[in-house]
């Protein structure tokens, strides 16, 4: 399998997570195996406070894997890193089990992306439009050089993504 990337990018509050919650199950139903990398600007903890793995990580381990028969997670300290390296993060994923890696955020990365745009947004869509944008999904018809998708029609967006994936496989 490949590591095709497709970012879902937009200004904060546009509905990236909501859209991904709608399209991921539809992609799975269409036989597509997606992975996901979500960018966050917030402090985050994914371990359970007070559990052994949390205590051992806090004891100083720079990398900790918590594993069970259902799932595993790798936690890495990144205090020296100002910028996230998207391609490094993707390289941590298992390409044999994925058809595509969806990326929430990372709007300035040079990867294919669908830009989300809603009526009434205070920020302009133009700064988000670069040569990597494959489509714009919005809740109103916008006049852009890229294809337009109806943000309120997740089936339309899934059809676009599956067709885009098929096209990538032929190139």
C-alpha atoms as a PDB file:
ATOM      1  CA  UNK A   1       0.000   0.000   0.000  1.00  0.00           C
ATOM      2  CA  UNK A   2       1.015   3.620  -0.307  1.00  0.00           C
ATOM      3  CA  UNK A   3       1.284   6.592   1.951  1.00  0.00           C
ATOM      4  CA  UNK A   4      -0.868   9.022   0.023  1.00  0.00           C
ATOM      5  CA  UNK A   5      -1.509  12.171   2.009  1.00  0.00           C
ATOM      6  CA  UNK A   6      -4.572  14.385   1.797  1.00  0.00           C
ATOM      7  CA  UNK A   7      -4.937  17.285   4.185  1.00  0.00           C
ATOM      8  CA  UNK A   8      -8.264  18.697   5.278  1.00  0.00           C
ATOM      9  CA  UNK A   9      -7.241  22.269   5.990  1.00  0.00           C
ATOM     10  CA  UNK A  10      -9.074  25.387   7.110  1.00  0.00           C
ATOM     11  CA  UNK A  11      -9.076  28.169   9.627  1.00  0.00           C
ATOM     12  CA  UNK A  12      -9.956  27.148  13.180  1.00  0.00           C
ATOM     13  CA  UNK A  13     -13.670  26.649  13.774  1.00  0.00           C
ATOM     14  CA  UNK A  14     -14.542  25.728  10.182  1.00  0.00           C
ATOM     15  CA  UNK A  15     -15.503  22.125  10.939  1.00  0.00           C
ATOM     16  CA  UNK A  16     -12.511  19.973   9.996  1.00  0.00           C
ATOM     17  CA  UNK A  17     -13.099  17.417  12.747  1.00  0.00           C
ATOM     18  CA  UNK A  18     -16.835  17.304  12.095  1.00  0.00           C
ATOM     19  CA  UNK A  19     -16.249  16.624   8.401  1.00  0.00           C
ATOM     20  CA  UNK A  20     -13.643  13.945   9.130  1.00  0.00           C
ATOM     21  CA  UNK A  21     -16.066  12.233  11.527  1.00  0.00           C
ATOM     22  CA  UNK A  22     -18.519  12.055   8.640  1.00  0.00           C
ATOM     23  CA  UNK A  23     -16.186  10.977   5.858  1.00  0.00           C
ATOM     24  CA  UNK A  24     -13.989   8.402   7.642  1.00  0.00           C
ATOM     25  CA  UNK A  25     -16.805   5.847   8.127  1.00  0.00           C
ATOM     26  CA  UNK A  26     -17.929   6.427   4.531  1.00  0.00           C
ATOM     27  CA  UNK A  27     -14.398   5.867   3.239  1.00  0.00           C
ATOM     28  CA  UNK A  28     -14.197   2.660   5.286  1.00  0.00           C
ATOM     29  CA  UNK A  29     -17.549   1.522   3.819  1.00  0.00           C
ATOM     30  CA  UNK A  30     -16.097   2.185   0.346  1.00  0.00           C
ATOM     31  CA  UNK A  31     -13.171  -0.126   1.144  1.00  0.00           C
ATOM     32  CA  UNK A  32     -10.622   2.635   1.784  1.00  0.00           C
ATOM     33  CA  UNK A  33      -8.361   2.215   4.830  1.00  0.00           C
ATOM     34  CA  UNK A  34      -7.571   5.689   6.200  1.00  0.00           C
ATOM     35  CA  UNK A  35      -5.065   6.763   8.783  1.00  0.00           C
ATOM     36  CA  UNK A  36      -5.230  10.170  10.410  1.00  0.00           C
ATOM     37  CA  UNK A  37      -2.783  12.730  11.740  1.00  0.00           C
ATOM     38  CA  UNK A  38      -4.354  15.613  13.647  1.00  0.00           C
ATOM     39  CA  UNK A  39      -2.436  18.797  14.302  1.00  0.00           C
ATOM     40  CA  UNK A  40      -3.210  20.598  17.527  1.00  0.00           C
ATOM     41  CA  UNK A  41      -1.937  23.838  18.989  1.00  0.00           C
ATOM     42  CA  UNK A  42      -3.002  22.789  22.471  1.00  0.00           C
ATOM     43  CA  UNK A  43      -1.070  21.085  25.259  1.00  0.00           C
ATOM     44  CA  UNK A  44      -2.094  17.442  25.214  1.00  0.00           C
ATOM     45  CA  UNK A  45      -1.842  14.354  27.360  1.00  0.00           C
ATOM     46  CA  UNK A  46      -2.919  11.008  25.995  1.00  0.00           C
ATOM     47  CA  UNK A  47      -1.867   8.850  28.929  1.00  0.00           C
ATOM     48  CA  UNK A  48      -4.004   8.149  31.997  1.00  0.00           C
ATOM     49  CA  UNK A  49      -2.652  10.098  34.986  1.00  0.00           C
ATOM     50  CA  UNK A  50      -1.319   7.828  37.716  1.00  0.00           C
ATOM     51  CA  UNK A  51      -1.164   4.682  35.567  1.00  0.00           C
ATOM     52  CA  UNK A  52       2.140   2.823  35.243  1.00  0.00           C
ATOM     53  CA  UNK A  53       2.894   4.099  31.732  1.00  0.00           C
ATOM     54  CA  UNK A  54       2.254   7.691  32.837  1.00  0.00           C
ATOM     55  CA  UNK A  55       4.485   7.267  35.883  1.00  0.00           C
ATOM     56  CA  UNK A  56       7.298   5.728  33.819  1.00  0.00           C
ATOM     57  CA  UNK A  57       7.046   8.448  31.160  1.00  0.00           C
ATOM     58  CA  UNK A  58       7.165  11.106  33.876  1.00  0.00           C
ATOM     59  CA  UNK A  59      10.182   9.301  35.363  1.00  0.00           C
ATOM     60  CA  UNK A  60      12.083  10.389  32.266  1.00  0.00           C
ATOM     61  CA  UNK A  61      11.557   7.981  29.383  1.00  0.00           C
ATOM     62  CA  UNK A  62      11.771   9.979  26.135  1.00  0.00           C
ATOM     63  CA  UNK A  63       9.623   7.474  24.253  1.00  0.00           C
ATOM     64  CA  UNK A  64       6.967   5.178  25.649  1.00  0.00           C
ATOM     65  CA  UNK A  65       4.814   2.617  23.863  1.00  0.00           C
ATOM     66  CA  UNK A  66       1.637   1.557  25.596  1.00  0.00           C
ATOM     67  CA  UNK A  67       0.337  -1.642  24.031  1.00  0.00           C
ATOM     68  CA  UNK A  68      -2.596  -4.002  24.338  1.00  0.00           C
ATOM     69  CA  UNK A  69      -4.207  -6.528  22.019  1.00  0.00           C
ATOM     70  CA  UNK A  70      -6.642  -3.831  20.820  1.00  0.00           C
ATOM     71  CA  UNK A  71      -4.232  -0.944  20.070  1.00  0.00           C
ATOM     72  CA  UNK A  72      -0.887   0.617  20.819  1.00  0.00           C
ATOM     73  CA  UNK A  73       0.320   4.184  21.097  1.00  0.00           C
ATOM     74  CA  UNK A  74       3.782   5.717  20.920  1.00  0.00           C
ATOM     75  CA  UNK A  75       4.379   8.835  22.997  1.00  0.00           C
ATOM     76  CA  UNK A  76       7.497  10.849  22.247  1.00  0.00           C
ATOM     77  CA  UNK A  77       8.887  13.941  23.911  1.00  0.00           C
ATOM     78  CA  UNK A  78       9.579  16.721  21.423  1.00  0.00           C
ATOM     79  CA  UNK A  79      10.896  19.616  23.524  1.00  0.00           C
ATOM     80  CA  UNK A  80      13.611  20.495  21.010  1.00  0.00           C
ATOM     81  CA  UNK A  81      11.201  20.682  18.102  1.00  0.00           C
ATOM     82  CA  UNK A  82       9.582  23.995  17.205  1.00  0.00           C
ATOM     83  CA  UNK A  83       7.942  22.689  14.038  1.00  0.00           C
ATOM     84  CA  UNK A  84       6.235  19.370  13.493  1.00  0.00           C
ATOM     85  CA  UNK A  85       7.596  17.311  10.618  1.00  0.00           C
ATOM     86  CA  UNK A  86       4.547  15.885   8.872  1.00  0.00           C
ATOM     87  CA  UNK A  87       6.513  13.422   6.747  1.00  0.00           C
ATOM     88  CA  UNK A  88       8.313  12.086   9.811  1.00  0.00           C
ATOM     89  CA  UNK A  89       4.964  11.564  11.548  1.00  0.00           C
ATOM     90  CA  UNK A  90       3.613   9.751   8.491  1.00  0.00           C
ATOM     91  CA  UNK A  91       6.700   7.519   8.478  1.00  0.00           C
ATOM     92  CA  UNK A  92       5.683   6.255  11.939  1.00  0.00           C
ATOM     93  CA  UNK A  93       2.476   4.789  10.444  1.00  0.00           C
ATOM     94  CA  UNK A  94       2.164   1.296   8.961  1.00  0.00           C
ATOM     95  CA  UNK A  95       1.867   1.731   5.183  1.00  0.00           C
ATOM     96  CA  UNK A  96       0.798  -1.895   4.679  1.00  0.00           C
ATOM     97  CA  UNK A  97      -2.509  -1.268   6.430  1.00  0.00           C
ATOM     98  CA  UNK A  98      -3.386   2.153   4.947  1.00  0.00           C
ATOM     99  CA  UNK A  99      -4.583   3.429   1.588  1.00  0.00           C
ATOM    100  CA  UNK A 100      -4.430   7.096   2.578  1.00  0.00           C
ATOM    101  CA  UNK A 101      -3.341   9.260   5.484  1.00  0.00           C
ATOM    102  CA  UNK A 102      -5.798  12.067   6.119  1.00  0.00           C
ATOM    103  CA  UNK A 103      -4.245  15.075   7.767  1.00  0.00           C
ATOM    104  CA  UNK A 104      -6.298  17.480   9.833  1.00  0.00           C
ATOM    105  CA  UNK A 105      -4.643  20.865   9.767  1.00  0.00           C
ATOM    106  CA  UNK A 106      -1.082  21.437   8.531  1.00  0.00           C
ATOM    107  CA  UNK A 107      -2.594  23.989   6.129  1.00  0.00           C
ATOM    108  CA  UNK A 108       0.792  25.342   5.031  1.00  0.00           C
ATOM    109  CA  UNK A 109       2.391  21.952   4.270  1.00  0.00           C
ATOM    110  CA  UNK A 110       3.177  21.236   0.601  1.00  0.00           C
ATOM    111  CA  UNK A 111       0.783  18.269   0.374  1.00  0.00           C
ATOM    112  CA  UNK A 112      -2.471  17.778  -1.528  1.00  0.00           C
ATOM    113  CA  UNK A 113      -5.326  19.333   0.403  1.00  0.00           C
ATOM    114  CA  UNK A 114      -8.998  20.070   0.441  1.00  0.00           C
ATOM    115  CA  UNK A 115      -9.641  23.531   1.826  1.00  0.00           C
ATOM    116  CA  UNK A 116     -12.801  24.050   3.882  1.00  0.00           C
ATOM    117  CA  UNK A 117     -14.531  27.405   3.789  1.00  0.00           C
ATOM    118  CA  UNK A 118     -17.793  28.599   5.366  1.00  0.00           C
ATOM    119  CA  UNK A 119     -19.886  31.676   4.756  1.00  0.00           C
ATOM    120  CA  UNK A 120     -19.252  34.352   7.337  1.00  0.00           C
ATOM    121  CA  UNK A 121     -15.662  33.377   8.169  1.00  0.00           C
ATOM    122  CA  UNK A 122     -13.695  36.412   9.314  1.00  0.00           C
ATOM    123  CA  UNK A 123     -10.496  35.182   7.656  1.00  0.00           C
ATOM    124  CA  UNK A 124     -10.179  35.137   3.875  1.00  0.00           C
ATOM    125  CA  UNK A 125      -9.860  31.893   1.921  1.00  0.00           C
ATOM    126  CA  UNK A 126      -7.189  33.296  -0.434  1.00  0.00           C
ATOM    127  CA  UNK A 127      -4.207  32.726   1.920  1.00  0.00           C
ATOM    128  CA  UNK A 128      -5.145  29.026   2.028  1.00  0.00           C
ATOM    129  CA  UNK A 129      -5.175  28.588  -1.743  1.00  0.00           C
ATOM    130  CA  UNK A 130      -1.845  27.337  -3.046  1.00  0.00           C
ATOM    131  CA  UNK A 131      -0.668  24.988  -5.789  1.00  0.00           C
ATOM    132  CA  UNK A 132      -1.354  21.955  -3.551  1.00  0.00           C
ATOM    133  CA  UNK A 133      -5.099  22.546  -3.193  1.00  0.00           C
ATOM    134  CA  UNK A 134      -7.046  19.873  -5.083  1.00  0.00           C
ATOM    135  CA  UNK A 135     -10.501  21.124  -4.109  1.00  0.00           C
ATOM    136  CA  UNK A 136     -12.406  23.659  -2.037  1.00  0.00           C
ATOM    137  CA  UNK A 137     -15.345  22.447   0.061  1.00  0.00           C
ATOM    138  CA  UNK A 138     -17.715  25.146   1.234  1.00  0.00           C
ATOM    139  CA  UNK A 139     -21.287  25.704   2.284  1.00  0.00           C
ATOM    140  CA  UNK A 140     -21.845  28.044  -0.670  1.00  0.00           C
ATOM    141  CA  UNK A 141     -20.686  28.000  -4.280  1.00  0.00           C
ATOM    142  CA  UNK A 142     -17.262  29.634  -4.587  1.00  0.00           C
ATOM    143  CA  UNK A 143     -15.541  30.599  -7.799  1.00  0.00           C
ATOM    144  CA  UNK A 144     -12.072  29.008  -7.592  1.00  0.00           C
ATOM    145  CA  UNK A 145      -9.759  27.364 -10.085  1.00  0.00           C
ATOM    146  CA  UNK A 146      -9.940  24.083  -8.155  1.00  0.00           C
ATOM    147  CA  UNK A 147     -13.012  21.875  -8.077  1.00  0.00           C
ATOM    148  CA  UNK A 148     -15.803  22.840  -5.688  1.00  0.00           C
ATOM    149  CA  UNK A 149     -17.413  20.443  -3.207  1.00  0.00           C
ATOM    150  CA  UNK A 150     -20.496  21.008  -1.069  1.00  0.00           C
ATOM    151  CA  UNK A 151     -19.258  20.971   2.528  1.00  0.00           C
ATOM    152  CA  UNK A 152     -22.693  19.781   3.671  1.00  0.00           C
ATOM    153  CA  UNK A 153     -22.597  16.726   1.376  1.00  0.00           C
ATOM    154  CA  UNK A 154     -20.062  14.278   2.852  1.00  0.00           C
ATOM    155  CA  UNK A 155     -20.957  11.651   0.232  1.00  0.00           C
ATOM    156  CA  UNK A 156     -19.867  14.106  -2.492  1.00  0.00           C
ATOM    157  CA  UNK A 157     -16.566  14.649  -0.686  1.00  0.00           C
ATOM    158  CA  UNK A 158     -16.008  10.894  -0.260  1.00  0.00           C
ATOM    159  CA  UNK A 159     -16.712  10.362  -3.978  1.00  0.00           C
ATOM    160  CA  UNK A 160     -14.151  13.054  -4.777  1.00  0.00           C
ATOM    161  CA  UNK A 161     -11.555  11.480  -2.462  1.00  0.00           C
ATOM    162  CA  UNK A 162     -12.048   7.951  -3.817  1.00  0.00           C
ATOM    163  CA  UNK A 163     -11.807   9.217  -7.414  1.00  0.00           C
ATOM    164  CA  UNK A 164      -8.709  11.243  -6.476  1.00  0.00           C
ATOM    165  CA  UNK A 165      -7.163   8.160  -4.852  1.00  0.00           C
ATOM    166  CA  UNK A 166      -7.869   6.072  -7.938  1.00  0.00           C
ATOM    167  CA  UNK A 167      -6.283   8.729 -10.149  1.00  0.00           C
ATOM    168  CA  UNK A 168      -3.185   8.832  -7.908  1.00  0.00           C
ATOM    169  CA  UNK A 169      -2.833   5.067  -8.223  1.00  0.00           C
ATOM    170  CA  UNK A 170      -2.717   5.359 -12.010  1.00  0.00           C
ATOM    171  CA  UNK A 171      -0.074   8.083 -12.098  1.00  0.00           C
END
